[in-house]
Amino acid sequence: MGDRQSPEPVEQIPAADWTDQDLLTRDGAGLLLDEEIEAERARVESAKDAGDDAATTEGERRLNRLIEIRRSLTERSDS
């Protein structure tokens, strides 16, 4: 057991690692995000209908984050 080598460190670059080869990955991620955004919208509406202010507030925060992530993904693929 004493003969184990330490794992080689991985250099992290300070930029997103999307490349042209990742376009399909971005598209796939975008589709998944679109589905999750719609599902979260439905959960927010359900929480509103139930009068659950805490769940509504948290759902709206999550929805806004998802929308912002989706927007940034779209902006990157347009560049």
Protein backbone atom coordinates (compact mmCIF):
# COMPACT_ATOMS: atom_id res chain seq x y z
CA MET A 1 0.00 0.00 0.00
CA GLY A 2 2.93 2.34 0.51
CA ASP A 3 3.74 2.28 -3.23
CA ARG A 4 0.78 4.46 -4.23
CA GLN A 5 1.60 7.50 -6.29
CA SER A 6 0.00 10.85 -5.57
CA PRO A 7 -2.56 11.91 -8.16
CA GLU A 8 -1.31 14.41 -10.69
CA PRO A 9 -2.72 17.89 -10.01
CA VAL A 10 -5.14 19.27 -12.60
CA GLU A 11 -4.60 22.85 -13.66
CA GLN A 12 -7.80 24.91 -13.47
CA ILE A 13 -8.06 27.78 -15.90
CA PRO A 14 -10.01 30.90 -14.88
CA ALA A 15 -12.27 30.78 -17.95
CA ALA A 16 -15.16 28.63 -19.05
CA ASP A 17 -13.95 25.63 -21.00
CA TRP A 18 -16.64 25.70 -23.67
CA THR A 19 -15.28 25.22 -27.17
CA ASP A 20 -16.85 24.86 -30.58
CA GLN A 21 -16.88 21.13 -29.99
CA ASP A 22 -19.18 21.68 -27.02
CA LEU A 23 -22.02 23.15 -29.08
CA LEU A 24 -24.04 19.96 -28.88
CA THR A 25 -23.41 19.82 -25.16
CA ARG A 26 -24.62 23.41 -24.81
CA ASP A 27 -27.72 22.66 -26.85
CA GLY A 28 -28.45 19.62 -24.72
CA ALA A 29 -27.90 21.55 -21.52
CA GLY A 30 -30.13 24.31 -22.84
CA LEU A 31 -32.94 21.87 -23.53
CA LEU A 32 -32.65 20.43 -20.04
CA LEU A 33 -32.66 23.92 -18.56
CA ASP A 34 -35.75 24.83 -20.59
CA GLU A 35 -37.55 21.80 -19.17
CA GLU A 36 -36.49 22.64 -15.63
CA ILE A 37 -37.54 26.28 -16.05
CA GLU A 38 -41.03 25.20 -17.10
CA ALA A 39 -41.24 22.74 -14.21
CA GLU A 40 -40.15 25.42 -11.75
CA ARG A 41 -42.72 27.85 -13.15
CA ALA A 42 -45.39 25.23 -12.50
CA ARG A 43 -44.13 24.70 -8.93
CA VAL A 44 -44.18 28.46 -8.29
CA GLU A 45 -47.76 28.72 -9.58
CA SER A 46 -48.76 25.77 -7.41
CA ALA A 47 -47.16 27.38 -4.35
CA LYS A 48 -48.95 30.67 -5.13
CA ASP A 49 -52.28 28.88 -5.48
CA ALA A 50 -51.69 27.15 -2.14
CA GLY A 51 -50.83 30.46 -0.49
CA ASP A 52 -47.36 29.19 0.48
CA ASP A 53 -45.39 32.45 0.49
CA ALA A 54 -42.10 30.85 1.56
CA ALA A 55 -42.22 28.23 -1.20
CA THR A 56 -43.28 30.88 -3.71
CA THR A 57 -40.36 33.14 -2.78
CA GLU A 58 -37.83 30.31 -2.89
CA GLY A 59 -39.26 29.02 -6.17
CA GLU A 60 -39.07 32.46 -7.75
CA ARG A 61 -35.44 32.80 -6.66
CA ARG A 62 -34.60 29.43 -8.17
CA LEU A 63 -36.54 30.27 -11.34
CA ASN A 64 -34.64 33.53 -11.74
CA ARG A 65 -31.31 31.73 -11.31
CA LEU A 66 -32.28 29.11 -13.88
CA ILE A 67 -33.32 31.79 -16.36
CA GLU A 68 -30.05 33.67 -15.85
CA ILE A 69 -28.03 30.48 -16.36
CA ARG A 70 -30.01 29.75 -19.52
CA ARG A 71 -29.43 33.29 -20.79
CA SER A 72 -25.68 33.06 -20.18
CA LEU A 73 -25.55 29.73 -21.98
CA THR A 74 -27.29 31.26 -24.99
CA GLU A 75 -24.99 34.29 -24.99
CA ARG A 76 -21.90 32.08 -25.00
CA SER A 77 -23.12 30.00 -27.91
CA ASP A 78 -23.94 33.13 -29.94
CA SER A 79 -20.36 34.46 -29.65
